Amino acid sequence: MAATCVNVLFWLSNVIAWDGLLPVLVFSSPVVLDWLLPGNLDAIQVAAVVIPMAALIARCYIGRRHILANHCSPAIQDLQTMALCAGIGLLLTTRL
């Protein structure tokens, strides 16, 4: 197997985006909608349900694609998948 160089900046940008910005955007979206559309409780309630579900689907799809593309051993890929599932669980269960 040929050794490859890890692009640390690319990896770090993915970590910051998926593990830092995505939860902040998901959690703050109902508050932002309340600020943009004051008094529109229906839009806020729909956003509070739909946005976390969309984040779950996107994170599952893209996270699994990254795991399968990283050419690690199956045991490491299983560990990464468990970490991905834990991150998704936190994304869906944690509230500010």
PDB file of N, CA and C in Angstrom:
ATOM      1  N   MET A   1       0.846  -1.172   0.000  1.00  0.00           N
ATOM      2  CA  MET A   1       0.000   0.000   0.000  1.00  0.00           C
ATOM      3  C   MET A   1       0.893   1.237   0.000  1.00  0.00           C
ATOM      4  N   ALA A   2       0.595   2.171  -0.856  1.00  0.00           N
ATOM      5  CA  ALA A   2       1.375   3.401  -0.961  1.00  0.00           C
ATOM      6  C   ALA A   2       0.959   4.382   0.122  1.00  0.00           C
ATOM      7  N   ALA A   3       1.935   5.006   0.736  1.00  0.00           N
ATOM      8  CA  ALA A   3       1.653   6.013   1.753  1.00  0.00           C
ATOM      9  C   ALA A   3       1.200   7.298   1.076  1.00  0.00           C
ATOM     10  N   THR A   4       0.216   7.926   1.664  1.00  0.00           N
ATOM     11  CA  THR A   4      -0.265   9.196   1.127  1.00  0.00           C
ATOM     12  C   THR A   4      -0.166  10.261   2.199  1.00  0.00           C
ATOM     13  N   CYS A   5      -0.016  11.471   1.759  1.00  0.00           N
ATOM     14  CA  CYS A   5       0.089  12.608   2.666  1.00  0.00           C
ATOM     15  C   CYS A   5      -1.320  13.084   3.024  1.00  0.00           C
ATOM     16  N   VAL A   6      -1.543  13.340   4.280  1.00  0.00           N
ATOM     17  CA  VAL A   6      -2.835  13.820   4.739  1.00  0.00           C
ATOM     18  C   VAL A   6      -2.899  15.332   4.568  1.00  0.00           C
ATOM     19  N   ASN A   7      -3.951  15.808   3.939  1.00  0.00           N
ATOM     20  CA  ASN A   7      -4.165  17.241   3.786  1.00  0.00           C
ATOM     21  C   ASN A   7      -4.832  17.741   5.066  1.00  0.00           C
ATOM     22  N   VAL A   8      -4.019  18.245   5.968  1.00  0.00           N
ATOM     23  CA  VAL A   8      -4.503  18.623   7.296  1.00  0.00           C
ATOM     24  C   VAL A   8      -5.504  19.783   7.212  1.00  0.00           C
ATOM     25  N   LEU A   9      -5.282  20.747   6.353  1.00  0.00           N
ATOM     26  CA  LEU A   9      -6.208  21.877   6.241  1.00  0.00           C
ATOM     27  C   LEU A   9      -7.581  21.426   5.747  1.00  0.00           C
ATOM     28  N   PHE A  10      -7.599  20.505   4.795  1.00  0.00           N
ATOM     29  CA  PHE A  10      -8.871  19.966   4.307  1.00  0.00           C
ATOM     30  C   PHE A  10      -9.589  19.204   5.416  1.00  0.00           C
ATOM     31  N   TRP A  11      -8.834  18.373   6.141  1.00  0.00           N
ATOM     32  CA  TRP A  11      -9.414  17.614   7.243  1.00  0.00           C
ATOM     33  C   TRP A  11      -9.955  18.545   8.325  1.00  0.00           C
ATOM     34  N   LEU A  12      -9.176  19.556   8.690  1.00  0.00           N
ATOM     35  CA  LEU A  12      -9.587  20.488   9.728  1.00  0.00           C
ATOM     36  C   LEU A  12     -10.820  21.287   9.314  1.00  0.00           C
ATOM     37  N   SER A  13     -10.886  21.684   8.047  1.00  0.00           N
ATOM     38  CA  SER A  13     -12.074  22.416   7.583  1.00  0.00           C
ATOM     39  C   SER A  13     -13.316  21.535   7.634  1.00  0.00           C
ATOM     40  N   ASN A  14     -13.172  20.254   7.332  1.00  0.00           N
ATOM     41  CA  ASN A  14     -14.313  19.335   7.448  1.00  0.00           C
ATOM     42  C   ASN A  14     -14.759  19.177   8.894  1.00  0.00           C
ATOM     43  N   VAL A  15     -13.801  19.040   9.791  1.00  0.00           N
ATOM     44  CA  VAL A  15     -14.141  18.891  11.214  1.00  0.00           C
ATOM     45  C   VAL A  15     -14.859  20.136  11.727  1.00  0.00           C
ATOM     46  N   ILE A  16     -14.329  21.302  11.387  1.00  0.00           N
ATOM     47  CA  ILE A  16     -14.950  22.547  11.847  1.00  0.00           C
ATOM     48  C   ILE A  16     -16.346  22.706  11.268  1.00  0.00           C
ATOM     49  N   ALA A  17     -16.518  22.386   9.993  1.00  0.00           N
ATOM     50  CA  ALA A  17     -17.822  22.547   9.354  1.00  0.00           C
ATOM     51  C   ALA A  17     -18.846  21.560   9.902  1.00  0.00           C
ATOM     52  N   TRP A  18     -18.495  20.291   9.972  1.00  0.00           N
ATOM     53  CA  TRP A  18     -19.475  19.272  10.362  1.00  0.00           C
ATOM     54  C   TRP A  18     -19.675  19.165  11.866  1.00  0.00           C
ATOM     55  N   ASP A  19     -18.637  19.383  12.646  1.00  0.00           N
ATOM     56  CA  ASP A  19     -18.741  19.223  14.090  1.00  0.00           C
ATOM     57  C   ASP A  19     -18.853  20.543  14.832  1.00  0.00           C
ATOM     58  N   GLY A  20     -18.666  21.650  14.131  1.00  0.00           N
ATOM     59  CA  GLY A  20     -18.755  22.954  14.773  1.00  0.00           C
ATOM     60  C   GLY A  20     -19.888  23.797  14.241  1.00  0.00           C
ATOM     61  N   LEU A  21     -19.862  24.062  12.947  1.00  0.00           N
ATOM     62  CA  LEU A  21     -20.855  24.963  12.366  1.00  0.00           C
ATOM     63  C   LEU A  21     -22.229  24.323  12.179  1.00  0.00           C
ATOM     64  N   LEU A  22     -22.264  23.064  11.760  1.00  0.00           N
ATOM     65  CA  LEU A  22     -23.568  22.431  11.521  1.00  0.00           C
ATOM     66  C   LEU A  22     -24.445  22.412  12.774  1.00  0.00           C
ATOM     67  N   PRO A  23     -23.949  21.972  13.939  1.00  0.00           N
ATOM     68  CA  PRO A  23     -24.802  22.020  15.128  1.00  0.00           C
ATOM     69  C   PRO A  23     -25.253  23.434  15.493  1.00  0.00           C
ATOM     70  N   VAL A  24     -24.364  24.405  15.340  1.00  0.00           N
ATOM     71  CA  VAL A  24     -24.732  25.794  15.643  1.00  0.00           C
ATOM     72  C   VAL A  24     -25.847  26.256  14.704  1.00  0.00           C
ATOM     73  N   LEU A  25     -25.729  25.952  13.429  1.00  0.00           N
ATOM     74  CA  LEU A  25     -26.773  26.340  12.469  1.00  0.00           C
ATOM     75  C   LEU A  25     -28.095  25.632  12.754  1.00  0.00           C
ATOM     76  N   VAL A  26     -28.032  24.355  13.087  1.00  0.00           N
ATOM     77  CA  VAL A  26     -29.255  23.602  13.375  1.00  0.00           C
ATOM     78  C   VAL A  26     -29.943  24.169  14.616  1.00  0.00           C
ATOM     79  N   PHE A  27     -29.165  24.397  15.662  1.00  0.00           N
ATOM     80  CA  PHE A  27     -29.760  24.872  16.914  1.00  0.00           C
ATOM     81  C   PHE A  27     -30.245  26.312  16.836  1.00  0.00           C
ATOM     82  N   SER A  28     -29.577  27.134  16.034  1.00  0.00           N
ATOM     83  CA  SER A  28     -29.950  28.543  15.976  1.00  0.00           C
ATOM     84  C   SER A  28     -31.023  28.846  14.927  1.00  0.00           C
ATOM     85  N   SER A  29     -31.342  27.909  14.059  1.00  0.00           N
ATOM     86  CA  SER A  29     -32.296  28.196  12.990  1.00  0.00           C
ATOM     87  C   SER A  29     -33.687  28.600  13.495  1.00  0.00           C
ATOM     88  N   PRO A  30     -34.276  27.952  14.513  1.00  0.00           N
ATOM     89  CA  PRO A  30     -35.575  28.452  14.991  1.00  0.00           C
ATOM     90  C   PRO A  30     -35.496  29.866  15.576  1.00  0.00           C
ATOM     91  N   VAL A  31     -34.399  30.179  16.240  1.00  0.00           N
ATOM     92  CA  VAL A  31     -34.230  31.518  16.812  1.00  0.00           C
ATOM     93  C   VAL A  31     -34.116  32.554  15.699  1.00  0.00           C
ATOM     94  N   VAL A  32     -33.353  32.230  14.666  1.00  0.00           N
ATOM     95  CA  VAL A  32     -33.187  33.147  13.534  1.00  0.00           C
ATOM     96  C   VAL A  32     -34.528  33.339  12.824  1.00  0.00           C
ATOM     97  N   LEU A  33     -35.272  32.245  12.646  1.00  0.00           N
ATOM     98  CA  LEU A  33     -36.594  32.370  12.010  1.00  0.00           C
ATOM     99  C   LEU A  33     -37.546  33.204  12.857  1.00  0.00           C
ATOM    100  N   ASP A  34     -37.470  33.060  14.169  1.00  0.00           N
ATOM    101  CA  ASP A  34     -38.313  33.878  15.046  1.00  0.00           C
ATOM    102  C   ASP A  34     -37.950  35.350  14.907  1.00  0.00           C
ATOM    103  N   TRP A  35     -36.679  35.631  14.708  1.00  0.00           N
ATOM    104  CA  TRP A  35     -36.235  37.012  14.515  1.00  0.00           C
ATOM    105  C   TRP A  35     -36.668  37.537  13.143  1.00  0.00           C
ATOM    106  N   LEU A  36     -36.555  36.684  12.098  1.00  0.00           N
ATOM    107  CA  LEU A  36     -36.924  37.108  10.746  1.00  0.00           C
ATOM    108  C   LEU A  36     -38.436  37.156  10.531  1.00  0.00           C
ATOM    109  N   LEU A  37     -39.145  36.200  11.133  1.00  0.00           N
ATOM    110  CA  LEU A  37     -40.599  36.102  10.971  1.00  0.00           C
ATOM    111  C   LEU A  37     -41.272  36.130  12.341  1.00  0.00           C
ATOM    112  N   PRO A  38     -41.297  37.269  13.000  1.00  0.00           N
ATOM    113  CA  PRO A  38     -41.859  37.315  14.354  1.00  0.00           C
ATOM    114  C   PRO A  38     -43.338  36.934  14.358  1.00  0.00           C
ATOM    115  N   GLY A  39     -43.683  36.092  15.296  1.00  0.00           N
ATOM    116  CA  GLY A  39     -45.074  35.693  15.451  1.00  0.00           C
ATOM    117  C   GLY A  39     -45.513  34.554  14.547  1.00  0.00           C
ATOM    118  N   ASN A  40     -44.655  34.071  13.661  1.00  0.00           N
ATOM    119  CA  ASN A  40     -45.015  32.977  12.766  1.00  0.00           C
ATOM    120  C   ASN A  40     -44.592  31.659  13.409  1.00  0.00           C
ATOM    121  N   LEU A  41     -45.391  31.200  14.365  1.00  0.00           N
ATOM    122  CA  LEU A  41     -45.073  30.013  15.143  1.00  0.00           C
ATOM    123  C   LEU A  41     -45.033  28.754  14.278  1.00  0.00           C
ATOM    124  N   ASP A  42     -45.872  28.681  13.253  1.00  0.00           N
ATOM    125  CA  ASP A  42     -45.892  27.505  12.376  1.00  0.00           C
ATOM    126  C   ASP A  42     -44.558  27.321  11.665  1.00  0.00           C
ATOM    127  N   ALA A  43     -43.998  28.391  11.130  1.00  0.00           N
ATOM    128  CA  ALA A  43     -42.715  28.306  10.428  1.00  0.00           C
ATOM    129  C   ALA A  43     -41.603  27.882  11.385  1.00  0.00           C
ATOM    130  N   ILE A  44     -41.629  28.383  12.598  1.00  0.00           N
ATOM    131  CA  ILE A  44     -40.617  28.048  13.590  1.00  0.00           C
ATOM    132  C   ILE A  44     -40.723  26.573  13.978  1.00  0.00           C
ATOM    133  N   GLN A  45     -41.948  26.095  14.165  1.00  0.00           N
ATOM    134  CA  GLN A  45     -42.146  24.696  14.528  1.00  0.00           C
ATOM    135  C   GLN A  45     -41.730  23.755  13.398  1.00  0.00           C
ATOM    136  N   VAL A  46     -42.074  24.099  12.184  1.00  0.00           N
ATOM    137  CA  VAL A  46     -41.669  23.277  11.037  1.00  0.00           C
ATOM    138  C   VAL A  46     -40.146  23.263  10.920  1.00  0.00           C
ATOM    139  N   ALA A  47     -39.516  24.408  11.067  1.00  0.00           N
ATOM    140  CA  ALA A  47     -38.058  24.479  10.986  1.00  0.00           C
ATOM    141  C   ALA A  47     -37.401  23.670  12.099  1.00  0.00           C
ATOM    142  N   ALA A  48     -37.993  23.697  13.284  1.00  0.00           N
ATOM    143  CA  ALA A  48     -37.429  22.964  14.415  1.00  0.00           C
ATOM    144  C   ALA A  48     -37.479  21.454  14.191  1.00  0.00           C
ATOM    145  N   VAL A  49     -38.350  20.987  13.322  1.00  0.00           N
ATOM    146  CA  VAL A  49     -38.443  19.559  13.007  1.00  0.00           C
ATOM    147  C   VAL A  49     -37.675  19.220  11.729  1.00  0.00           C
ATOM    148  N   VAL A  50     -37.861  20.019  10.691  1.00  0.00           N
ATOM    149  CA  VAL A  50     -37.318  19.687   9.370  1.00  0.00           C
ATOM    150  C   VAL A  50     -35.804  19.906   9.298  1.00  0.00           C
ATOM    151  N   ILE A  51     -35.306  20.980   9.857  1.00  0.00           N
ATOM    152  CA  ILE A  51     -33.877  21.283   9.734  1.00  0.00           C
ATOM    153  C   ILE A  51     -32.994  20.229  10.407  1.00  0.00           C
ATOM    154  N   PRO A  52     -33.309  19.768  11.632  1.00  0.00           N
ATOM    155  CA  PRO A  52     -32.490  18.675  12.190  1.00  0.00           C
ATOM    156  C   PRO A  52     -32.573  17.387  11.373  1.00  0.00           C
ATOM    157  N   MET A  53     -33.726  17.105  10.791  1.00  0.00           N
ATOM    158  CA  MET A  53     -33.852  15.902   9.968  1.00  0.00           C
ATOM    159  C   MET A  53     -33.014  16.026   8.690  1.00  0.00           C
ATOM    160  N   ALA A  54     -33.017  17.194   8.082  1.00  0.00           N
ATOM    161  CA  ALA A  54     -32.191  17.417   6.885  1.00  0.00           C
ATOM    162  C   ALA A  54     -30.706  17.331   7.245  1.00  0.00           C
ATOM    163  N   ALA A  55     -30.335  17.856   8.404  1.00  0.00           N
ATOM    164  CA  ALA A  55     -28.940  17.772   8.847  1.00  0.00           C
ATOM    165  C   ALA A  55     -28.546  16.319   9.092  1.00  0.00           C
ATOM    166  N   LEU A  56     -29.455  15.534   9.638  1.00  0.00           N
ATOM    167  CA  LEU A  56     -29.189  14.114   9.859  1.00  0.00           C
ATOM    168  C   LEU A  56     -28.917  13.397   8.544  1.00  0.00           C
ATOM    169  N   ILE A  57     -29.754  13.620   7.554  1.00  0.00           N
ATOM    170  CA  ILE A  57     -29.591  12.962   6.260  1.00  0.00           C
ATOM    171  C   ILE A  57     -28.282  13.400   5.598  1.00  0.00           C
ATOM    172  N   ALA A  58     -28.005  14.689   5.607  1.00  0.00           N
ATOM    173  CA  ALA A  58     -26.776  15.184   4.991  1.00  0.00           C
ATOM    174  C   ALA A  58     -25.542  14.653   5.710  1.00  0.00           C
ATOM    175  N   ARG A  59     -25.573  14.669   7.028  1.00  0.00           N
ATOM    176  CA  ARG A  59     -24.405  14.207   7.779  1.00  0.00           C
ATOM    177  C   ARG A  59     -24.186  12.709   7.596  1.00  0.00           C
ATOM    178  N   CYS A  60     -25.268  11.928   7.558  1.00  0.00           N
ATOM    179  CA  CYS A  60     -25.137  10.483   7.318  1.00  0.00           C
ATOM    180  C   CYS A  60     -24.531  10.211   5.953  1.00  0.00           C
ATOM    181  N   TYR A  61     -25.069  10.830   4.941  1.00  0.00           N
ATOM    182  CA  TYR A  61     -24.624  10.577   3.574  1.00  0.00           C
ATOM    183  C   TYR A  61     -23.173  11.005   3.366  1.00  0.00           C
ATOM    184  N   ILE A  62     -22.866  12.221   3.714  1.00  0.00           N
ATOM    185  CA  ILE A  62     -21.526  12.740   3.469  1.00  0.00           C
ATOM    186  C   ILE A  62     -20.505  12.104   4.404  1.00  0.00           C
ATOM    187  N   GLY A  63     -20.880  11.895   5.658  1.00  0.00           N
ATOM    188  CA  GLY A  63     -19.963  11.251   6.599  1.00  0.00           C
ATOM    189  C   GLY A  63     -19.612   9.839   6.189  1.00  0.00           C
ATOM    190  N   ARG A  64     -20.600   9.078   5.768  1.00  0.00           N
ATOM    191  CA  ARG A  64     -20.341   7.700   5.336  1.00  0.00           C
ATOM    192  C   ARG A  64     -19.493   7.683   4.063  1.00  0.00           C
ATOM    193  N   ARG A  65     -19.737   8.621   3.171  1.00  0.00           N
ATOM    194  CA  ARG A  65     -18.946   8.719   1.948  1.00  0.00           C
ATOM    195  C   ARG A  65     -17.475   9.013   2.269  1.00  0.00           C
ATOM    196  N   HIS A  66     -17.235   9.893   3.240  1.00  0.00           N
ATOM    197  CA  HIS A  66     -15.858  10.193   3.646  1.00  0.00           C
ATOM    198  C   HIS A  66     -15.196   8.970   4.288  1.00  0.00           C
ATOM    199  N   ILE A  67     -15.941   8.260   5.120  1.00  0.00           N
ATOM    200  CA  ILE A  67     -15.379   7.084   5.794  1.00  0.00           C
ATOM    201  C   ILE A  67     -14.990   6.008   4.784  1.00  0.00           C
ATOM    202  N   LEU A  68     -15.853   5.765   3.822  1.00  0.00           N
ATOM    203  CA  LEU A  68     -15.548   4.738   2.822  1.00  0.00           C
ATOM    204  C   LEU A  68     -14.400   5.136   1.903  1.00  0.00           C
ATOM    205  N   ALA A  69     -14.177   6.429   1.739  1.00  0.00           N
ATOM    206  CA  ALA A  69     -13.130   6.901   0.836  1.00  0.00           C
ATOM    207  C   ALA A  69     -11.760   7.026   1.498  1.00  0.00           C
ATOM    208  N   ASN A  70     -11.664   6.853   2.807  1.00  0.00           N
ATOM    209  CA  ASN A  70     -10.391   7.124   3.468  1.00  0.00           C
ATOM    210  C   ASN A  70      -9.422   5.941   3.478  1.00  0.00           C
ATOM    211  N   HIS A  71      -9.797   4.799   2.933  1.00  0.00           N
ATOM    212  CA  HIS A  71      -8.919   3.641   2.749  1.00  0.00           C
ATOM    213  C   HIS A  71      -8.284   3.145   4.048  1.00  0.00           C
ATOM    214  N   CYS A  72      -9.040   3.168   5.127  1.00  0.00           N
ATOM    215  CA  CYS A  72      -8.570   2.594   6.389  1.00  0.00           C
ATOM    216  C   CYS A  72      -9.006   1.136   6.464  1.00  0.00           C
ATOM    217  N   SER A  73      -8.536   0.458   7.482  1.00  0.00           N
ATOM    218  CA  SER A  73      -8.945  -0.927   7.683  1.00  0.00           C
ATOM    219  C   SER A  73     -10.429  -0.961   8.073  1.00  0.00           C
ATOM    220  N   PRO A  74     -11.091  -2.093   7.853  1.00  0.00           N
ATOM    221  CA  PRO A  74     -12.506  -2.191   8.230  1.00  0.00           C
ATOM    222  C   PRO A  74     -12.756  -1.903   9.712  1.00  0.00           C
ATOM    223  N   ALA A  75     -11.834  -2.300  10.583  1.00  0.00           N
ATOM    224  CA  ALA A  75     -12.012  -2.031  12.017  1.00  0.00           C
ATOM    225  C   ALA A  75     -12.000  -0.530  12.298  1.00  0.00           C
ATOM    226  N   ILE A  76     -11.102   0.196  11.663  1.00  0.00           N
ATOM    227  CA  ILE A  76     -11.035   1.656  11.845  1.00  0.00           C
ATOM    228  C   ILE A  76     -12.273   2.312  11.244  1.00  0.00           C
ATOM    229  N   GLN A  77     -12.714   1.824  10.092  1.00  0.00           N
ATOM    230  CA  GLN A  77     -13.928   2.377   9.483  1.00  0.00           C
ATOM    231  C   GLN A  77     -15.144   2.139  10.376  1.00  0.00           C
ATOM    232  N   ASP A  78     -15.189   0.976  11.038  1.00  0.00           N
ATOM    233  CA  ASP A  78     -16.281   0.715  11.981  1.00  0.00           C
ATOM    234  C   ASP A  78     -16.228   1.684  13.156  1.00  0.00           C
ATOM    235  N   LEU A  79     -15.035   1.948  13.654  1.00  0.00           N
ATOM    236  CA  LEU A  79     -14.865   2.912  14.747  1.00  0.00           C
ATOM    237  C   LEU A  79     -15.286   4.310  14.301  1.00  0.00           C
ATOM    238  N   GLN A  80     -14.914   4.688  13.092  1.00  0.00           N
ATOM    239  CA  GLN A  80     -15.313   5.992  12.570  1.00  0.00           C
ATOM    240  C   GLN A  80     -16.829   6.067  12.394  1.00  0.00           C
ATOM    241  N   THR A  81     -17.438   4.986  11.957  1.00  0.00           N
ATOM    242  CA  THR A  81     -18.894   4.962  11.799  1.00  0.00           C
ATOM    243  C   THR A  81     -19.590   5.108  13.150  1.00  0.00           C
ATOM    244  N   MET A  82     -19.049   4.462  14.184  1.00  0.00           N
ATOM    245  CA  MET A  82     -19.627   4.617  15.522  1.00  0.00           C
ATOM    246  C   MET A  82     -19.497   6.063  16.008  1.00  0.00           C
ATOM    247  N   ALA A  83     -18.359   6.685  15.739  1.00  0.00           N
ATOM    248  CA  ALA A  83     -18.174   8.090  16.120  1.00  0.00           C
ATOM    249  C   ALA A  83     -19.133   8.985  15.347  1.00  0.00           C
ATOM    250  N   LEU A  84     -19.344   8.681  14.076  1.00  0.00           N
ATOM    251  CA  LEU A  84     -20.301   9.437  13.271  1.00  0.00           C
ATOM    252  C   LEU A  84     -21.707   9.304  13.848  1.00  0.00           C
ATOM    253  N   CYS A  85     -22.099   8.088  14.216  1.00  0.00           N
ATOM    254  CA  CYS A  85     -23.422   7.874  14.804  1.00  0.00           C
ATOM    255  C   CYS A  85     -23.570   8.610  16.133  1.00  0.00           C
ATOM    256  N   ALA A  86     -22.519   8.621  16.937  1.00  0.00           N
ATOM    257  CA  ALA A  86     -22.561   9.354  18.206  1.00  0.00           C
ATOM    258  C   ALA A  86     -22.713  10.848  17.955  1.00  0.00           C
ATOM    259  N   GLY A  87     -21.990  11.371  16.965  1.00  0.00           N
ATOM    260  CA  GLY A  87     -22.113  12.792  16.622  1.00  0.00           C
ATOM    261  C   GLY A  87     -23.499  13.142  16.126  1.00  0.00           C
ATOM    262  N   ILE A  88     -24.078  12.259  15.334  1.00  0.00           N
ATOM    263  CA  ILE A  88     -25.442  12.490  14.836  1.00  0.00           C
ATOM    264  C   ILE A  88     -26.430  12.442  15.990  1.00  0.00           C
ATOM    265  N   GLY A  89     -26.224  11.499  16.898  1.00  0.00           N
ATOM    266  CA  GLY A  89     -27.108  11.421  18.072  1.00  0.00           C
ATOM    267  C   GLY A  89     -27.060  12.685  18.910  1.00  0.00           C
ATOM    268  N   LEU A  90     -25.861  13.210  19.104  1.00  0.00           N
ATOM    269  CA  LEU A  90     -25.730  14.462  19.851  1.00  0.00           C
ATOM    270  C   LEU A  90     -26.381  15.623  19.105  1.00  0.00           C
ATOM    271  N   LEU A  91     -26.235  15.612  17.786  1.00  0.00           N
ATOM    272  CA  LEU A  91     -26.831  16.675  16.983  1.00  0.00           C
ATOM    273  C   LEU A  91     -28.350  16.692  17.143  1.00  0.00           C
ATOM    274  N   LEU A  92     -28.956  15.516  17.262  1.00  0.00           N
ATOM    275  CA  LEU A  92     -30.416  15.428  17.336  1.00  0.00           C
ATOM    276  C   LEU A  92     -30.972  15.558  18.755  1.00  0.00           C
ATOM    277  N   THR A  93     -30.172  15.236  19.765  1.00  0.00           N
ATOM    278  CA  THR A  93     -30.724  15.219  21.129  1.00  0.00           C
ATOM    279  C   THR A  93     -30.363  16.424  21.957  1.00  0.00           C
ATOM    280  N   THR A  94     -29.316  17.138  21.618  1.00  0.00           N
ATOM    281  CA  THR A  94     -28.871  18.264  22.432  1.00  0.00           C
ATOM    282  C   THR A  94     -29.677  19.509  22.075  1.00  0.00           C
ATOM    283  N   ARG A  95     -30.113  20.207  23.076  1.00  0.00           N
ATOM    284  CA  ARG A  95     -30.818  21.486  22.894  1.00  0.00           C
ATOM    285  C   ARG A  95     -30.123  22.542  23.729  1.00  0.00           C
ATOM    286  N   LEU A  96     -30.091  23.735  23.210  1.00  0.00           N
ATOM    287  CA  LEU A  96     -29.462  24.853  23.939  1.00  0.00           C
ATOM    288  C   LEU A  96     -30.352  25.322  25.046  1.00  0.00           C
TER     289      LEU A  96
END
